[in-house]
């Protein structure tokens, strides 16, 4: 996950929610978003 760009990470997060992927995968993405301090990106877009 460290190789993903911030943009791809955020996009993947929203796609995972849209397609109702496994909650563990969504939480993994959320954890990476938090570790990069990108929470504002998902709050602005939602």
Protein backbone atom coordinates (compact mmCIF):
# COMPACT_ATOMS: atom_id res chain seq x y z
CA UNK A 1 0.00 0.00 0.00
CA UNK A 2 2.91 2.31 0.56
CA UNK A 3 3.46 2.41 -3.20
CA UNK A 4 -0.03 3.73 -3.92
CA UNK A 5 -0.38 7.42 -4.63
CA UNK A 6 -2.63 9.38 -2.30
CA UNK A 7 -5.08 9.89 -5.14
CA UNK A 8 -5.27 6.18 -5.90
CA UNK A 9 -5.71 5.37 -2.22
CA UNK A 10 -8.66 7.76 -1.88
CA UNK A 11 -10.19 6.54 -5.12
CA UNK A 12 -9.82 2.92 -4.01
CA UNK A 13 -11.49 3.73 -0.71
CA UNK A 14 -14.55 5.20 -2.38
CA UNK A 15 -14.73 2.35 -4.90
CA UNK A 16 -14.53 -0.19 -2.06
CA UNK A 17 -17.49 1.48 -0.37
CA UNK A 18 -19.44 1.78 -3.63
CA UNK A 19 -18.99 -1.91 -4.44
CA UNK A 20 -19.57 -2.95 -0.81
CA UNK A 21 -16.28 -4.79 -0.54
CA UNK A 22 -15.32 -6.63 2.64
CA UNK A 23 -15.28 -4.38 5.71
CA UNK A 24 -11.77 -5.53 6.62
CA UNK A 25 -10.47 -4.23 3.30
CA UNK A 26 -12.23 -0.90 3.81
CA UNK A 27 -10.75 -0.64 7.30
CA UNK A 28 -7.30 -1.36 5.90
CA UNK A 29 -7.71 1.50 3.46
CA UNK A 30 -9.00 3.75 6.24
CA UNK A 31 -5.97 2.92 8.38
CA UNK A 32 -3.63 3.85 5.54
CA UNK A 33 -5.58 7.07 4.94
CA UNK A 34 -5.16 7.95 8.62
CA UNK A 35 -1.46 7.09 8.58
CA UNK A 36 -1.01 9.56 5.71
CA UNK A 37 -3.18 12.18 7.44
CA UNK A 38 -5.62 12.28 4.53
CA UNK A 39 -8.86 12.11 6.53
CA UNK A 40 -9.79 15.55 5.24
CA UNK A 41 -9.87 14.10 1.71
CA UNK A 42 -12.58 11.59 2.52
CA UNK A 43 -14.60 14.06 4.60
CA UNK A 44 -14.60 16.69 1.85
CA UNK A 45 -15.69 14.22 -0.81
CA UNK A 46 -18.44 12.48 1.15
